[in-house]
């Protein structure tokens, strides 16, 4: 069984959190995905208050992003936060450009690094994985992709597949979905605007209003291990518009499974 969630990062430049949560509940979302800026510095009382806001809107937080520094430096804090918010799976979301390897061995080492970071999280009964951008799908000198070596070095890693970033890298999303279908436990559902459109939204689009074949993608993704389909837009002009139109598209296509 899959559900439709919403990456709260999409609304970081819009209304206050209580209003955002009500908007998402009214739009029909089952849950939200958190990101570090929401909870990195919250104490226990603030985490409990956050959980009550979610409960009041009948929203779960099954997945969340935590930065690599926090995962490595303070895994106990990560676990406390995840337990307080009832997060079931954590995804490490990013590696800055200056820290990215440039060799197959370097990317395999990074996969091993993620695998080590996963151990206290998995020991706490929480899932752990990697969330991609485009750089994992840019070919290395030997023609292989960093994502292959990350997963080669990290056998414990789940994958939160951000399909639009795969496509922006120039790679074929369908190929990589098939290659790692058993690793995909969540999906970022986002769309790419046609060339020259939505420049003020960094070239992204509401799901179903861009160029990605989301009907076919959804048909393929529901055959994987994905449990959560998470709507995301990195810079929407109107987050309520994005939230509403995207869940409408996703619901329509899932209904055609």
C-alpha atoms as a PDB file:
ATOM      1  CA  UNK A   1       0.000   0.000   0.000  1.00  0.00           C
ATOM      2  CA  UNK A   2       1.397   3.402  -0.968  1.00  0.00           C
ATOM      3  CA  UNK A   3       0.424   6.867   0.180  1.00  0.00           C
ATOM      4  CA  UNK A   4       0.802  10.413  -1.069  1.00  0.00           C
ATOM      5  CA  UNK A   5       2.936  12.735   1.008  1.00  0.00           C
ATOM      6  CA  UNK A   6       4.377  16.211   0.607  1.00  0.00           C
ATOM      7  CA  UNK A   7       7.957  17.385   1.092  1.00  0.00           C
ATOM      8  CA  UNK A   8       7.630  20.362   3.418  1.00  0.00           C
ATOM      9  CA  UNK A   9      10.738  21.927   1.874  1.00  0.00           C
ATOM     10  CA  UNK A  10       8.411  22.880  -1.002  1.00  0.00           C
ATOM     11  CA  UNK A  11       6.624  25.335   1.303  1.00  0.00           C
ATOM     12  CA  UNK A  12       9.625  26.785   3.118  1.00  0.00           C
ATOM     13  CA  UNK A  13       9.080  30.200   1.480  1.00  0.00           C
ATOM     14  CA  UNK A  14       5.327  30.299   2.044  1.00  0.00           C
ATOM     15  CA  UNK A  15       2.867  30.346   4.931  1.00  0.00           C
ATOM     16  CA  UNK A  16       3.539  29.394   8.555  1.00  0.00           C
ATOM     17  CA  UNK A  17       3.697  25.682   9.266  1.00  0.00           C
ATOM     18  CA  UNK A  18       0.237  25.313  10.895  1.00  0.00           C
ATOM     19  CA  UNK A  19      -1.397  26.856   7.823  1.00  0.00           C
ATOM     20  CA  UNK A  20       0.658  24.658   5.511  1.00  0.00           C
ATOM     21  CA  UNK A  21      -0.329  21.500   7.376  1.00  0.00           C
ATOM     22  CA  UNK A  22      -4.025  22.417   7.211  1.00  0.00           C
ATOM     23  CA  UNK A  23      -3.711  23.167   3.487  1.00  0.00           C
ATOM     24  CA  UNK A  24      -2.149  19.752   2.879  1.00  0.00           C
ATOM     25  CA  UNK A  25      -4.753  17.915   4.938  1.00  0.00           C
ATOM     26  CA  UNK A  26      -7.532  19.684   3.039  1.00  0.00           C
ATOM     27  CA  UNK A  27      -5.884  18.712  -0.257  1.00  0.00           C
ATOM     28  CA  UNK A  28      -5.983  15.033   0.686  1.00  0.00           C
ATOM     29  CA  UNK A  29      -2.415  14.229   1.691  1.00  0.00           C
ATOM     30  CA  UNK A  30      -1.792  11.364   4.102  1.00  0.00           C
ATOM     31  CA  UNK A  31       1.532  12.648   5.317  1.00  0.00           C
ATOM     32  CA  UNK A  32       4.476  14.966   4.994  1.00  0.00           C
ATOM     33  CA  UNK A  33       8.213  14.530   4.667  1.00  0.00           C
ATOM     34  CA  UNK A  34      10.412  16.574   6.961  1.00  0.00           C
ATOM     35  CA  UNK A  35      13.772  18.199   6.362  1.00  0.00           C
ATOM     36  CA  UNK A  36      16.516  19.274   8.731  1.00  0.00           C
ATOM     37  CA  UNK A  37      15.633  22.942   9.014  1.00  0.00           C
ATOM     38  CA  UNK A  38      12.303  22.019  10.569  1.00  0.00           C
ATOM     39  CA  UNK A  39      13.592  20.071  13.533  1.00  0.00           C
ATOM     40  CA  UNK A  40      17.398  20.103  13.826  1.00  0.00           C
ATOM     41  CA  UNK A  41      17.337  22.495  16.786  1.00  0.00           C
ATOM     42  CA  UNK A  42      14.038  21.537  18.443  1.00  0.00           C
ATOM     43  CA  UNK A  43      14.078  20.393  22.057  1.00  0.00           C
ATOM     44  CA  UNK A  44      11.845  17.624  23.366  1.00  0.00           C
ATOM     45  CA  UNK A  45       8.935  19.934  24.174  1.00  0.00           C
ATOM     46  CA  UNK A  46       9.053  21.523  20.723  1.00  0.00           C
ATOM     47  CA  UNK A  47       9.155  18.112  19.056  1.00  0.00           C
ATOM     48  CA  UNK A  48       6.070  17.067  21.021  1.00  0.00           C
ATOM     49  CA  UNK A  49       4.308  20.266  19.950  1.00  0.00           C
ATOM     50  CA  UNK A  50       5.246  19.572  16.322  1.00  0.00           C
ATOM     51  CA  UNK A  51       3.852  16.056  16.620  1.00  0.00           C
ATOM     52  CA  UNK A  52       0.591  17.451  18.010  1.00  0.00           C
ATOM     53  CA  UNK A  53       0.297  19.803  15.006  1.00  0.00           C
ATOM     54  CA  UNK A  54       0.657  16.815  12.699  1.00  0.00           C
ATOM     55  CA  UNK A  55      -1.857  14.779  14.668  1.00  0.00           C
ATOM     56  CA  UNK A  56      -4.361  17.639  14.682  1.00  0.00           C
ATOM     57  CA  UNK A  57      -4.295  17.581  10.885  1.00  0.00           C
ATOM     58  CA  UNK A  58      -4.295  13.766  10.680  1.00  0.00           C
ATOM     59  CA  UNK A  59      -0.920  13.805   8.948  1.00  0.00           C
ATOM     60  CA  UNK A  60       1.870  11.284   9.451  1.00  0.00           C
ATOM     61  CA  UNK A  61       5.579  11.883   8.881  1.00  0.00           C
ATOM     62  CA  UNK A  62       6.709   8.471   7.638  1.00  0.00           C
ATOM     63  CA  UNK A  63       9.911   9.771   6.015  1.00  0.00           C
ATOM     64  CA  UNK A  64      12.368  12.577   6.658  1.00  0.00           C
ATOM     65  CA  UNK A  65      15.675  14.036   5.532  1.00  0.00           C
ATOM     66  CA  UNK A  66      18.635  14.468   7.890  1.00  0.00           C
ATOM     67  CA  UNK A  67      21.973  15.919   6.817  1.00  0.00           C
ATOM     68  CA  UNK A  68      25.071  13.752   6.779  1.00  0.00           C
ATOM     69  CA  UNK A  69      26.831  15.837   9.434  1.00  0.00           C
ATOM     70  CA  UNK A  70      24.046  15.297  11.947  1.00  0.00           C
ATOM     71  CA  UNK A  71      23.764  11.615  11.061  1.00  0.00           C
ATOM     72  CA  UNK A  72      27.470  11.107  11.702  1.00  0.00           C
ATOM     73  CA  UNK A  73      28.029  13.534  14.575  1.00  0.00           C
ATOM     74  CA  UNK A  74      24.866  13.042  16.627  1.00  0.00           C
ATOM     75  CA  UNK A  75      22.993   9.890  15.644  1.00  0.00           C
ATOM     76  CA  UNK A  76      21.393   9.710  19.085  1.00  0.00           C
ATOM     77  CA  UNK A  77      19.756  13.075  18.449  1.00  0.00           C
ATOM     78  CA  UNK A  78      18.545  11.843  15.057  1.00  0.00           C
ATOM     79  CA  UNK A  79      16.934   8.816  16.682  1.00  0.00           C
ATOM     80  CA  UNK A  80      15.279  10.910  19.409  1.00  0.00           C
ATOM     81  CA  UNK A  81      13.833  13.224  16.763  1.00  0.00           C
ATOM     82  CA  UNK A  82      12.649  10.357  14.594  1.00  0.00           C
ATOM     83  CA  UNK A  83      10.963   8.592  17.503  1.00  0.00           C
ATOM     84  CA  UNK A  84       9.249  11.794  18.652  1.00  0.00           C
ATOM     85  CA  UNK A  85       7.859  12.469  15.163  1.00  0.00           C
ATOM     86  CA  UNK A  86       7.194   8.764  14.414  1.00  0.00           C
ATOM     87  CA  UNK A  87       9.479   8.803  11.392  1.00  0.00           C
ATOM     88  CA  UNK A  88       9.870   5.327   9.927  1.00  0.00           C
ATOM     89  CA  UNK A  89      12.615   5.913   7.339  1.00  0.00           C
ATOM     90  CA  UNK A  90      15.400   8.492   7.142  1.00  0.00           C
ATOM     91  CA  UNK A  91      17.066   9.563   3.905  1.00  0.00           C
ATOM     92  CA  UNK A  92      20.355  11.409   3.697  1.00  0.00           C
ATOM     93  CA  UNK A  93      19.594  14.024   1.053  1.00  0.00           C
ATOM     94  CA  UNK A  94      22.708  15.654  -0.358  1.00  0.00           C
ATOM     95  CA  UNK A  95      26.465  15.917  -0.707  1.00  0.00           C
ATOM     96  CA  UNK A  96      27.936  19.381  -1.428  1.00  0.00           C
ATOM     97  CA  UNK A  97      29.859  19.762  -4.672  1.00  0.00           C
ATOM     98  CA  UNK A  98      33.175  20.344  -2.920  1.00  0.00           C
ATOM     99  CA  UNK A  99      32.847  17.020  -1.075  1.00  0.00           C
ATOM    100  CA  UNK A 100      31.966  14.855  -4.070  1.00  0.00           C
ATOM    101  CA  UNK A 101      34.452  12.210  -5.198  1.00  0.00           C
ATOM    102  CA  UNK A 102      35.677  12.074  -8.783  1.00  0.00           C
ATOM    103  CA  UNK A 103      36.459   8.366  -9.061  1.00  0.00           C
ATOM    104  CA  UNK A 104      34.722   5.026  -8.843  1.00  0.00           C
ATOM    105  CA  UNK A 105      36.668   4.181  -5.682  1.00  0.00           C
ATOM    106  CA  UNK A 106      35.771   7.491  -4.102  1.00  0.00           C
ATOM    107  CA  UNK A 107      32.060   6.945  -4.685  1.00  0.00           C
ATOM    108  CA  UNK A 108      32.294   3.387  -3.333  1.00  0.00           C
ATOM    109  CA  UNK A 109      33.983   4.801  -0.227  1.00  0.00           C
ATOM    110  CA  UNK A 110      31.124   7.274   0.100  1.00  0.00           C
ATOM    111  CA  UNK A 111      28.658   4.379  -0.079  1.00  0.00           C
ATOM    112  CA  UNK A 112      30.571   2.680   2.732  1.00  0.00           C
ATOM    113  CA  UNK A 113      30.477   5.925   4.687  1.00  0.00           C
ATOM    114  CA  UNK A 114      26.692   6.054   4.337  1.00  0.00           C
ATOM    115  CA  UNK A 115      26.488   2.416   5.313  1.00  0.00           C
ATOM    116  CA  UNK A 116      28.380   3.166   8.557  1.00  0.00           C
ATOM    117  CA  UNK A 117      26.099   6.140   9.233  1.00  0.00           C
ATOM    118  CA  UNK A 118      23.097   3.846   8.795  1.00  0.00           C
ATOM    119  CA  UNK A 119      24.093   1.433  11.560  1.00  0.00           C
ATOM    120  CA  UNK A 120      22.795   3.298  14.657  1.00  0.00           C
ATOM    121  CA  UNK A 121      19.668   4.272  12.740  1.00  0.00           C
ATOM    122  CA  UNK A 122      18.937   0.697  11.689  1.00  0.00           C
ATOM    123  CA  UNK A 123      19.742  -0.512  15.213  1.00  0.00           C
ATOM    124  CA  UNK A 124      16.956   1.796  16.444  1.00  0.00           C
ATOM    125  CA  UNK A 125      14.483   0.115  14.089  1.00  0.00           C
ATOM    126  CA  UNK A 126      14.393   2.999  11.602  1.00  0.00           C
ATOM    127  CA  UNK A 127      15.002   2.556   7.880  1.00  0.00           C
ATOM    128  CA  UNK A 128      17.849   4.400   6.164  1.00  0.00           C
ATOM    129  CA  UNK A 129      18.588   5.391   2.604  1.00  0.00           C
ATOM    130  CA  UNK A 130      19.929   7.890   0.104  1.00  0.00           C
ATOM    131  CA  UNK A 131      18.037  10.584  -1.793  1.00  0.00           C
ATOM    132  CA  UNK A 132      19.525  11.503  -5.166  1.00  0.00           C
ATOM    133  CA  UNK A 133      20.033  14.682  -7.138  1.00  0.00           C
ATOM    134  CA  UNK A 134      21.542  14.839 -10.634  1.00  0.00           C
ATOM    135  CA  UNK A 135      25.246  14.368  -9.871  1.00  0.00           C
ATOM    136  CA  UNK A 136      24.831  10.653  -9.113  1.00  0.00           C
ATOM    137  CA  UNK A 137      23.783  10.160 -12.739  1.00  0.00           C
ATOM    138  CA  UNK A 138      26.623  12.006 -14.456  1.00  0.00           C
ATOM    139  CA  UNK A 139      28.994   9.457 -16.050  1.00  0.00           C
ATOM    140  CA  UNK A 140      32.454   8.937 -14.601  1.00  0.00           C
ATOM    141  CA  UNK A 141      35.490   8.576 -16.909  1.00  0.00           C
ATOM    142  CA  UNK A 142      34.899   4.829 -17.252  1.00  0.00           C
ATOM    143  CA  UNK A 143      31.244   5.366 -18.218  1.00  0.00           C
ATOM    144  CA  UNK A 144      29.787   4.121 -14.942  1.00  0.00           C
ATOM    145  CA  UNK A 145      27.542   6.209 -12.723  1.00  0.00           C
ATOM    146  CA  UNK A 146      28.234   7.302  -9.137  1.00  0.00           C
ATOM    147  CA  UNK A 147      24.913   5.807  -8.031  1.00  0.00           C
ATOM    148  CA  UNK A 148      26.197   2.339  -8.926  1.00  0.00           C
ATOM    149  CA  UNK A 149      29.217   2.734  -6.678  1.00  0.00           C
ATOM    150  CA  UNK A 150      27.254   4.340  -3.841  1.00  0.00           C
ATOM    151  CA  UNK A 151      24.961   1.327  -3.731  1.00  0.00           C
ATOM    152  CA  UNK A 152      27.869  -1.047  -4.300  1.00  0.00           C
ATOM    153  CA  UNK A 153      29.588   0.320  -1.198  1.00  0.00           C
ATOM    154  CA  UNK A 154      26.341   0.627   0.769  1.00  0.00           C
ATOM    155  CA  UNK A 155      24.466  -2.673   0.796  1.00  0.00           C
ATOM    156  CA  UNK A 156      22.146  -1.467   3.578  1.00  0.00           C
ATOM    157  CA  UNK A 157      20.961   1.604   1.687  1.00  0.00           C
ATOM    158  CA  UNK A 158      17.402   2.113   0.552  1.00  0.00           C
ATOM    159  CA  UNK A 159      16.740   4.596  -2.251  1.00  0.00           C
ATOM    160  CA  UNK A 160      14.399   7.556  -2.299  1.00  0.00           C
ATOM    161  CA  UNK A 161      14.297   8.030  -6.057  1.00  0.00           C
ATOM    162  CA  UNK A 162      13.986  11.626  -7.228  1.00  0.00           C
ATOM    163  CA  UNK A 163      12.986  10.831 -10.790  1.00  0.00           C
ATOM    164  CA  UNK A 164      13.070  14.408 -12.063  1.00  0.00           C
ATOM    165  CA  UNK A 165      16.695  14.852 -10.990  1.00  0.00           C
ATOM    166  CA  UNK A 166      17.594  11.627 -12.817  1.00  0.00           C
ATOM    167  CA  UNK A 167      15.982  13.049 -15.950  1.00  0.00           C
ATOM    168  CA  UNK A 168      17.677  16.440 -15.509  1.00  0.00           C
ATOM    169  CA  UNK A 169      21.010  14.638 -15.470  1.00  0.00           C
ATOM    170  CA  UNK A 170      20.213  13.273 -18.931  1.00  0.00           C
ATOM    171  CA  UNK A 171      19.748   9.690 -17.717  1.00  0.00           C
ATOM    172  CA  UNK A 172      16.798   7.394 -18.403  1.00  0.00           C
ATOM    173  CA  UNK A 173      14.632   7.146 -15.256  1.00  0.00           C
ATOM    174  CA  UNK A 174      13.019   3.910 -16.396  1.00  0.00           C
ATOM    175  CA  UNK A 175      16.397   2.162 -16.648  1.00  0.00           C
ATOM    176  CA  UNK A 176      17.397   3.126 -13.129  1.00  0.00           C
ATOM    177  CA  UNK A 177      13.993   2.341 -11.674  1.00  0.00           C
ATOM    178  CA  UNK A 178      14.338  -1.154 -13.122  1.00  0.00           C
ATOM    179  CA  UNK A 179      17.957  -1.514 -11.983  1.00  0.00           C
ATOM    180  CA  UNK A 180      17.179  -0.701  -8.356  1.00  0.00           C
ATOM    181  CA  UNK A 181      13.490  -1.556  -8.014  1.00  0.00           C
ATOM    182  CA  UNK A 182      14.138  -3.495  -4.819  1.00  0.00           C
ATOM    183  CA  UNK A 183      15.967  -0.523  -3.229  1.00  0.00           C
ATOM    184  CA  UNK A 184      13.275   2.082  -3.976  1.00  0.00           C
ATOM    185  CA  UNK A 185      11.210   2.605  -0.843  1.00  0.00           C
ATOM    186  CA  UNK A 186      10.071   6.182  -1.541  1.00  0.00           C
ATOM    187  CA  UNK A 187       9.765   8.413  -4.593  1.00  0.00           C
ATOM    188  CA  UNK A 188       9.958  12.156  -5.061  1.00  0.00           C
ATOM    189  CA  UNK A 189       7.197  12.991  -7.500  1.00  0.00           C
ATOM    190  CA  UNK A 190       8.132  16.216  -9.293  1.00  0.00           C
ATOM    191  CA  UNK A 191       8.032  17.535 -12.826  1.00  0.00           C
ATOM    192  CA  UNK A 192      10.220  19.526 -15.201  1.00  0.00           C
ATOM    193  CA  UNK A 193       8.837  22.509 -17.093  1.00  0.00           C
ATOM    194  CA  UNK A 194       9.178  22.712 -20.867  1.00  0.00           C
ATOM    195  CA  UNK A 195      12.302  24.492 -22.046  1.00  0.00           C
ATOM    196  CA  UNK A 196      12.031  28.231 -21.494  1.00  0.00           C
ATOM    197  CA  UNK A 197       9.083  27.984 -19.107  1.00  0.00           C
ATOM    198  CA  UNK A 198       8.837  28.620 -15.346  1.00  0.00           C
ATOM    199  CA  UNK A 199      12.224  30.302 -15.091  1.00  0.00           C
ATOM    200  CA  UNK A 200      11.110  31.929 -11.830  1.00  0.00           C
ATOM    201  CA  UNK A 201      10.391  28.422 -10.496  1.00  0.00           C
ATOM    202  CA  UNK A 202      13.878  27.175 -11.456  1.00  0.00           C
ATOM    203  CA  UNK A 203      12.422  25.273 -14.371  1.00  0.00           C
ATOM    204  CA  UNK A 204      10.258  22.939 -12.277  1.00  0.00           C
ATOM    205  CA  UNK A 205       6.541  22.330 -12.811  1.00  0.00           C
ATOM    206  CA  UNK A 206       3.515  20.986 -10.985  1.00  0.00           C
ATOM    207  CA  UNK A 207       3.220  17.224 -11.454  1.00  0.00           C
ATOM    208  CA  UNK A 208       1.442  16.526 -14.733  1.00  0.00           C
ATOM    209  CA  UNK A 209       2.081  20.048 -16.034  1.00  0.00           C
ATOM    210  CA  UNK A 210       5.624  19.441 -17.238  1.00  0.00           C
ATOM    211  CA  UNK A 211       7.400  17.163 -19.673  1.00  0.00           C
ATOM    212  CA  UNK A 212       7.916  13.970 -17.663  1.00  0.00           C
ATOM    213  CA  UNK A 213       5.701  10.975 -18.588  1.00  0.00           C
ATOM    214  CA  UNK A 214       4.211  10.582 -15.140  1.00  0.00           C
ATOM    215  CA  UNK A 215       1.486   8.131 -16.154  1.00  0.00           C
ATOM    216  CA  UNK A 216       4.083   5.657 -17.428  1.00  0.00           C
ATOM    217  CA  UNK A 217       6.446   6.419 -14.558  1.00  0.00           C
ATOM    218  CA  UNK A 218       3.746   5.749 -11.986  1.00  0.00           C
ATOM    219  CA  UNK A 219       2.874   2.483 -13.683  1.00  0.00           C
ATOM    220  CA  UNK A 220       6.500   1.403 -13.390  1.00  0.00           C
ATOM    221  CA  UNK A 221       7.084   2.727  -9.867  1.00  0.00           C
ATOM    222  CA  UNK A 222       4.133   0.930  -8.305  1.00  0.00           C
ATOM    223  CA  UNK A 223       5.844  -2.348  -9.229  1.00  0.00           C
ATOM    224  CA  UNK A 224       8.852  -1.455  -7.035  1.00  0.00           C
ATOM    225  CA  UNK A 225       9.198  -1.517  -3.255  1.00  0.00           C
ATOM    226  CA  UNK A 226       8.093   2.136  -3.007  1.00  0.00           C
ATOM    227  CA  UNK A 227       5.701   2.819  -0.135  1.00  0.00           C
ATOM    228  CA  UNK A 228       5.545   6.611  -0.239  1.00  0.00           C
ATOM    229  CA  UNK A 229       5.040   8.963  -3.176  1.00  0.00           C
ATOM    230  CA  UNK A 230       6.168  12.412  -2.084  1.00  0.00           C
ATOM    231  CA  UNK A 231       5.232  15.537  -4.034  1.00  0.00           C
ATOM    232  CA  UNK A 232       8.048  18.050  -4.272  1.00  0.00           C
ATOM    233  CA  UNK A 233       8.731  21.323  -6.054  1.00  0.00           C
ATOM    234  CA  UNK A 234      11.939  23.159  -5.230  1.00  0.00           C
ATOM    235  CA  UNK A 235      10.541  26.654  -5.806  1.00  0.00           C
ATOM    236  CA  UNK A 236       6.778  26.944  -6.434  1.00  0.00           C
ATOM    237  CA  UNK A 237       5.258  30.386  -6.887  1.00  0.00           C
ATOM    238  CA  UNK A 238       2.116  29.101  -5.195  1.00  0.00           C
ATOM    239  CA  UNK A 239       2.564  26.092  -2.946  1.00  0.00           C
ATOM    240  CA  UNK A 240      -1.175  25.497  -2.540  1.00  0.00           C
ATOM    241  CA  UNK A 241      -1.578  25.342  -6.323  1.00  0.00           C
ATOM    242  CA  UNK A 242       1.345  22.935  -6.582  1.00  0.00           C
ATOM    243  CA  UNK A 243       0.062  20.734  -3.755  1.00  0.00           C
ATOM    244  CA  UNK A 244      -3.466  20.532  -5.146  1.00  0.00           C
ATOM    245  CA  UNK A 245      -2.640  19.975  -8.808  1.00  0.00           C
ATOM    246  CA  UNK A 246       0.099  17.461  -8.091  1.00  0.00           C
ATOM    247  CA  UNK A 247      -1.936  15.165  -5.862  1.00  0.00           C
ATOM    248  CA  UNK A 248      -4.771  15.323  -8.409  1.00  0.00           C
ATOM    249  CA  UNK A 249      -2.404  14.121 -11.129  1.00  0.00           C
ATOM    250  CA  UNK A 250      -0.814  11.431  -8.979  1.00  0.00           C
ATOM    251  CA  UNK A 251      -4.211  10.141  -7.807  1.00  0.00           C
ATOM    252  CA  UNK A 252      -5.479   9.960 -11.375  1.00  0.00           C
ATOM    253  CA  UNK A 253      -2.487   7.995 -12.596  1.00  0.00           C
ATOM    254  CA  UNK A 254      -2.419   5.632  -9.628  1.00  0.00           C
ATOM    255  CA  UNK A 255      -6.097   4.980 -10.267  1.00  0.00           C
ATOM    256  CA  UNK A 256      -5.115   3.697 -13.704  1.00  0.00           C
ATOM    257  CA  UNK A 257      -2.753   1.028 -12.356  1.00  0.00           C
END
